[in-house]
Protein backbone atom coordinates (compact mmCIF):
# COMPACT_ATOMS: atom_id res chain seq x y z
CA MET A 1 72.77 -15.19 270.76
CA ILE A 2 69.56 -15.29 268.68
CA PRO A 3 69.11 -18.20 266.62
CA THR A 4 68.34 -17.67 262.21
CA THR A 5 67.97 -19.70 259.70
CA PRO A 6 68.29 -18.64 255.86
CA LEU A 7 64.37 -19.14 255.77
CA LEU A 8 63.97 -16.43 259.41
CA ALA A 9 66.77 -14.29 257.69
CA ARG A 10 64.19 -13.24 254.73
CA SER A 11 61.94 -10.31 255.09
CA ASP A 12 58.84 -12.07 254.50
CA ALA A 13 59.95 -14.69 257.51
CA TRP A 14 58.46 -11.76 259.95
CA SER A 15 55.76 -10.48 261.12
CA ASP A 16 55.42 -7.74 263.98
CA ALA A 17 54.07 -10.49 266.20
CA ARG A 18 57.03 -12.73 265.32
CA LEU A 19 59.98 -10.09 266.41
CA LEU A 20 58.10 -8.94 269.74
CA TYR A 21 58.35 -12.67 270.26
CA ALA A 22 61.61 -12.61 269.46
CA LEU A 23 63.29 -9.89 270.74
CA GLU A 24 61.67 -10.13 274.27
CA GLU A 25 64.44 -11.47 275.65
CA VAL A 26 66.78 -8.67 274.04
CA VAL A 27 64.00 -6.46 275.83
CA GLU A 28 64.51 -8.43 279.44
CA ARG A 29 67.97 -8.05 279.18
CA GLU A 30 67.80 -4.35 278.14
CA LEU A 31 65.70 -3.22 280.67
CA ASP A 32 67.66 -5.08 283.22
CA ARG A 33 70.94 -2.98 282.45
CA HIS A 34 68.42 -0.02 282.24
CA LEU A 35 67.75 -0.08 285.70
CA GLY A 36 71.17 -1.04 287.04
CA VAL A 37 72.63 2.32 285.29
CA ALA A 38 69.59 4.42 286.05
CA LYS A 39 69.92 6.88 288.97
CA GLU A 40 67.19 8.29 291.06
CA TRP A 41 66.58 12.02 290.94
CA MET A 42 64.20 14.70 292.29
CA PRO A 43 62.92 16.61 289.79
CA HIS A 44 62.16 19.23 292.43
CA GLU A 45 65.64 19.46 293.34
CA TYR A 46 66.57 21.26 290.28
CA VAL A 47 63.63 24.24 290.17
CA PRO A 48 65.20 27.33 291.57
CA TRP A 49 61.31 27.87 293.45
CA SER A 50 62.90 30.83 295.76
CA ASP A 51 62.70 32.87 292.84
CA GLY A 52 59.16 32.19 292.19
CA ARG A 53 56.32 34.90 292.67
CA ASN A 54 52.60 35.05 291.64
CA PHE A 55 51.85 36.27 288.31
CA ASP A 56 48.97 38.41 287.13
CA GLY A 57 45.63 37.11 287.28
CA MET A 58 43.78 35.57 290.20
CA MET A 59 46.64 35.74 292.43
CA GLY A 60 47.07 39.65 291.78
CA GLY A 61 51.12 39.22 291.11
CA GLU A 62 52.90 40.77 289.07
CA ALA A 63 52.53 40.17 284.80
CA TRP A 64 55.65 38.47 282.83
CA ARG A 65 57.92 40.39 280.68
CA GLN A 66 60.78 39.59 278.79
CA ASP A 67 63.35 41.33 280.65
CA GLN A 68 62.47 39.23 283.46
CA SER A 69 63.72 35.92 281.83
CA LYS A 70 67.50 34.81 282.73
CA VAL A 71 67.51 32.62 279.39
CA SER A 72 69.00 33.65 276.35
CA GLU A 73 66.40 34.38 273.33
CA VAL A 74 67.56 31.49 270.87
CA GLY A 75 67.58 29.74 274.71
CA ARG A 76 63.72 30.33 275.36
CA ILE A 77 62.53 29.35 271.95
CA SER A 78 64.15 25.92 272.28
CA LEU A 79 63.35 25.63 275.73
CA VAL A 80 59.48 26.45 274.34
CA VAL A 81 59.74 23.31 271.64
CA ASN A 82 61.49 21.13 273.82
CA LEU A 83 58.93 21.67 276.71
CA LEU A 84 55.95 20.98 274.00
CA THR A 85 57.98 17.85 272.45
CA GLU A 86 57.80 16.28 276.07
CA ASP A 87 54.06 17.65 276.72
CA ASN A 88 52.83 14.81 274.17
CA LEU A 89 54.12 12.13 276.29
CA PRO A 90 49.98 10.40 276.53
CA SER A 91 50.46 10.12 272.51
CA TYR A 92 53.93 8.83 272.57
CA HIS A 93 52.77 6.44 275.05
CA HIS A 94 49.57 5.38 273.27
CA GLU A 95 51.60 5.18 270.04
CA ILE A 96 54.38 2.68 271.86
CA ALA A 97 52.16 1.15 274.03
CA THR A 98 50.38 0.01 270.74
CA ILE A 99 53.17 -0.89 268.79
CA PHE A 100 55.21 -2.89 271.94
CA GLY A 101 52.25 -4.26 273.70
CA ARG A 102 51.74 -4.23 277.68
CA ASP A 103 52.66 -7.01 278.90
CA GLY A 104 56.02 -8.56 279.42
CA ALA A 105 59.19 -6.86 279.35
CA TRP A 106 57.54 -4.98 276.48
CA GLY A 107 55.07 -3.70 278.47
CA THR A 108 57.65 -3.18 281.88
CA TRP A 109 59.85 -0.70 279.55
CA VAL A 110 56.87 0.74 278.02
CA HIS A 111 55.92 2.25 281.14
CA ARG A 112 58.96 2.74 283.15
CA TRP A 113 60.25 4.72 279.63
CA THR A 114 56.94 6.95 280.15
CA ALA A 115 57.19 7.60 284.28
CA GLU A 116 61.07 8.32 283.41
CA GLU A 117 60.01 10.71 280.27
CA GLY A 118 56.96 12.46 282.68
CA ARG A 119 59.88 13.45 284.51
CA HIS A 120 61.30 16.26 282.57
CA ALA A 121 57.56 17.94 281.37
CA ILE A 122 57.15 18.78 285.33
CA VAL A 123 60.90 19.91 285.70
CA MET A 124 60.81 21.46 282.99
CA ARG A 125 57.59 23.81 283.31
CA ASP A 126 58.61 23.80 286.82
CA TYR A 127 61.97 25.36 285.97
CA LEU A 128 60.52 27.86 282.63
CA LEU A 129 57.37 29.23 285.64
CA THR A 130 59.72 29.52 288.60
CA SER A 131 62.21 31.76 287.02
CA ARG A 132 59.95 33.18 284.63
CA ALA A 133 61.79 32.06 281.59
CA VAL A 134 58.72 31.99 279.32
CA ASP A 135 55.43 33.94 278.97
CA PRO A 136 53.52 30.95 280.64
CA CYS A 137 49.95 32.47 278.57
CA GLU A 138 51.95 31.50 275.83
CA LEU A 139 53.13 28.45 276.60
CA GLU A 140 49.77 26.74 277.67
CA ARG A 141 48.01 28.10 274.61
CA PHE A 142 50.46 26.01 272.53
CA ARG A 143 50.08 23.35 274.86
CA MET A 144 46.55 23.22 274.44
CA GLN A 145 46.89 23.09 270.94
CA HIS A 146 49.66 21.22 270.49
CA MET A 147 48.40 18.07 272.75
CA SER A 148 44.81 18.07 270.82
CA ASP A 149 46.71 18.02 267.74
CA GLY A 150 48.19 14.56 269.02
CA PHE A 151 50.96 12.96 267.60
CA GLU A 152 51.86 9.81 265.48
CA HIS A 153 54.95 9.27 263.92
CA ASP A 154 55.63 8.29 260.43
CA HIS A 155 56.57 4.95 261.11
CA ARG A 156 53.72 3.91 263.53
CA HIS A 157 52.71 0.72 261.81
CA SER A 158 56.28 -1.17 261.18
CA MET A 159 57.88 -2.63 264.89
CA LEU A 160 60.87 -2.68 263.09
CA HIS A 161 60.70 1.22 262.05
CA SER A 162 59.62 2.39 265.37
CA VAL A 163 62.51 1.12 267.19
CA ALA A 164 64.58 2.31 264.31
CA TYR A 165 63.53 5.94 265.09
CA VAL A 166 63.37 5.83 268.51
CA ALA A 167 67.25 5.03 267.99
CA PHE A 168 67.47 7.97 266.35
CA GLN A 169 64.87 10.70 267.73
CA GLU A 170 66.23 9.40 272.01
CA LEU A 171 69.91 11.02 270.94
CA ALA A 172 67.88 13.68 269.24
CA THR A 173 66.75 14.85 272.31
CA ARG A 174 70.00 14.21 273.61
CA VAL A 175 71.51 16.80 271.88
CA SER A 176 68.89 19.32 271.85
CA HIS A 177 68.72 19.35 275.43
CA ARG A 178 72.40 19.34 276.13
CA ASN A 179 72.70 22.15 273.45
CA THR A 180 70.09 24.01 274.52
CA GLY A 181 71.29 24.30 278.23
CA ARG A 182 74.68 25.38 277.05
CA GLU A 183 72.95 28.03 274.95
CA SER A 184 70.55 29.41 277.37
CA GLY A 185 72.87 31.26 279.20
CA ASP A 186 71.51 30.10 282.94
CA PRO A 187 73.40 27.61 284.54
CA VAL A 188 70.58 26.16 286.40
CA CYS A 189 68.47 25.68 283.22
CA GLU A 190 72.25 24.15 282.21
CA ARG A 191 72.45 22.12 285.04
CA MET A 192 68.24 20.64 284.53
CA LEU A 193 69.09 20.19 280.69
CA ALA A 194 71.95 18.03 281.65
CA ARG A 195 70.35 16.08 283.79
CA ILE A 196 67.32 15.28 281.11
CA ALA A 197 69.80 14.48 278.56
CA THR A 198 71.09 11.22 280.48
CA ASP A 199 68.16 9.65 280.80
CA GLU A 200 67.47 10.43 277.00
CA ASN A 201 71.46 9.05 276.52
CA LEU A 202 70.08 6.05 278.46
CA HIS A 203 66.84 5.75 276.69
CA MET A 204 68.77 5.92 273.49
CA VAL A 205 71.46 2.96 274.38
CA PHE A 206 68.10 0.59 274.97
CA TYR A 207 66.70 1.15 272.03
CA ARG A 208 70.10 1.22 269.65
CA ASN A 209 71.36 -2.38 271.34
CA LEU A 210 67.25 -3.17 270.40
CA LEU A 211 68.10 -2.32 266.56
CA ALA A 212 71.68 -4.32 267.12
CA ALA A 213 69.41 -7.48 267.82
CA ALA A 214 66.77 -7.06 265.22
CA LEU A 215 69.55 -6.51 262.51
CA ASP A 216 71.15 -9.62 263.49
CA LEU A 217 67.75 -10.93 263.90
CA ALA A 218 66.36 -10.01 260.43
CA PRO A 219 69.31 -7.66 258.87
CA ASP A 220 67.32 -6.77 255.78
CA PRO A 221 64.56 -5.84 256.85
CA ALA A 222 66.19 -4.23 259.81
CA LEU A 223 68.03 -2.27 257.65
CA ALA A 224 65.41 -1.42 255.25
CA ALA A 225 63.22 0.40 258.09
CA ILE A 226 66.73 2.27 258.94
CA ARG A 227 66.91 3.58 255.45
CA ASP A 228 63.44 4.56 255.63
CA VAL A 229 63.71 6.38 258.82
CA VAL A 230 67.32 7.98 257.96
CA THR A 231 66.09 9.81 255.26
CA ALA A 232 62.21 10.84 256.27
CA PHE A 233 63.25 11.66 260.02
CA ARG A 234 61.33 14.27 261.25
CA MET A 235 61.07 15.04 265.29
CA PRO A 236 58.08 14.81 267.41
CA GLY A 237 57.61 18.59 267.61
CA HIS A 238 56.86 18.99 263.99
CA GLY A 239 53.41 19.61 264.57
CA MET A 240 53.79 22.12 267.27
CA PRO A 241 52.70 26.07 266.45
CA GLY A 242 55.47 27.88 264.89
CA PHE A 243 57.78 25.15 264.49
CA GLU A 244 59.19 25.71 261.39
CA ARG A 245 60.25 29.44 262.49
CA ALA A 246 61.32 28.04 265.72
CA ALA A 247 63.27 25.26 263.69
CA ALA A 248 65.32 28.03 262.12
CA ARG A 249 65.96 30.58 264.68
CA ILE A 250 67.59 26.68 266.44
CA ALA A 251 69.58 25.97 263.55
CA ILE A 252 70.75 29.23 263.38
CA GLY A 253 71.35 29.41 267.04
CA GLY A 254 73.29 26.52 267.07
CA ILE A 255 71.13 24.39 268.89
CA TYR A 256 69.99 21.71 266.10
CA ASN A 257 70.91 22.20 262.51
CA LEU A 258 71.31 19.66 259.59
CA ARG A 259 75.36 19.77 261.04
CA ILE A 260 74.33 18.34 264.18
CA HIS A 261 72.20 16.15 263.00
CA HIS A 262 75.12 14.45 260.66
CA ASP A 263 77.30 14.75 262.61
CA ASP A 264 76.10 13.96 266.56
CA VAL A 265 72.87 11.60 265.58
CA LEU A 266 73.13 9.63 262.72
CA LEU A 267 76.57 9.35 261.84
CA PRO A 268 77.20 7.73 265.57
CA VAL A 269 74.21 5.23 265.72
CA LEU A 270 75.47 4.39 262.23
CA ARG A 271 79.00 3.63 263.18
CA HIS A 272 78.10 1.78 266.49
CA LEU A 273 75.62 -0.72 264.52
CA LYS A 274 78.15 -1.08 261.37
CA VAL A 275 74.94 -0.43 258.91
CA LEU A 276 77.14 1.08 256.06
CA GLU A 277 79.80 -2.11 256.67
CA ARG A 278 77.32 -5.18 257.09
CA GLY A 279 77.62 -7.88 255.03
CA GLY A 280 75.68 -11.63 253.93
CA LEU A 281 72.57 -9.32 253.06
CA GLY A 282 70.01 -9.82 251.10
CA HIS A 283 69.02 -7.43 247.82
CA GLU A 284 66.87 -5.62 249.92
CA GLY A 285 69.58 -5.02 252.49
CA LEU A 286 72.05 -4.46 250.20
CA ARG A 287 69.75 -1.48 248.29
CA ALA A 288 68.85 -0.38 251.59
CA GLN A 289 72.98 0.15 252.68
CA GLU A 290 73.16 1.76 249.04
CA GLU A 291 70.63 4.24 249.28
CA LEU A 292 71.50 5.15 252.94
CA GLY A 293 75.07 5.64 251.85
CA LEU A 294 74.10 8.33 248.89
CA PHE A 295 71.40 9.79 251.25
CA MET A 296 74.37 10.53 253.86
CA GLY A 297 76.76 11.56 251.27
CA GLY A 298 74.00 14.61 249.99
CA LEU A 299 72.80 15.35 253.67
CA ASP A 300 76.89 16.13 254.08
CA ASP A 301 76.62 17.96 251.36
CA GLN A 302 73.57 20.37 252.44
CA ALA A 303 75.33 20.35 256.19
CA VAL A 304 78.50 21.87 254.10
CA ARG A 305 75.94 24.81 252.51
CA PHE A 306 74.16 24.94 255.26
CA ASP A 307 77.37 25.84 257.93
CA GLU A 308 78.78 28.72 254.93
CA ARG A 309 74.57 30.10 255.12
CA ARG A 310 75.21 30.31 258.78
CA ALA A 311 78.72 31.44 259.10
CA ALA A 312 77.32 34.33 256.38
CA LEU A 313 74.77 35.22 258.59
CA LEU A 314 76.69 35.83 261.67
CA ALA A 315 79.31 37.87 260.53
CA ARG A 316 76.90 40.20 258.82
CA ARG A 317 74.71 40.01 262.46
CA ALA A 318 78.34 40.95 263.99
CA ALA A 319 79.49 43.75 261.30
CA ARG A 320 75.95 45.34 262.27
CA THR A 321 76.09 45.25 265.89
């Protein structure tokens, strides 16, 4: 139980440094829990190496053609987006290491998280190239451009905002990976992405539990941070080349869209944390709670309209074929 006083519950009583210190014990406990449940796995075991062959160029092999890919068109688009997102790990590590620090339990978690995330890019690239699922030249050019641009998330200057963001973002990533695997049409791809999604779920639980502790410790500023993150949420890959067009294809394909974002990402975290039911709030917390409730209602309305447009579009496509 983290002790609080009326003074410390006020938003102006908490600096990032004080919050980092106050939550250190929670981070240590969550790190121990994470290490106890995380399963060791080897990226090379999820790659169909026997399917691999040389590409054209220096090795004098066969050039890539789209008909060589075993995955569906929308699956291929989503795989590229997901891998480019994972590729930007150096920027993500810099972001969270700068905010959380490199010492103590915080630093141990930052490095562990980075090591686990690194496996995701390794196994995805190995699968994509070995199975010839995507154009390797296009993939590398996108990677160079995306990583050269770097990444800064929208709330990087606040520790509470950063914790709130990753609590939702890790779940969004898990959902995207799982749905991409199901939509890919390749059982090997689905198995690989399910393994990655398991990691992402454990990361989400870590950050969600940390956010719960922050809500108990500093309810008003924590709830305000959640409101800010939810109402302005963007996936970390939003700056990659062609993201808007790819996101539209992914949305129509049922991998990640407004309905999924509302039902499978935002609502589960908000309900688990009982964000909209919390009492004992000050003016800042009550205002954030009210604004968050209004936003979620509006987002649900938008999702209904999106579902209707998507159904009509899919019906027209089915009629043409």
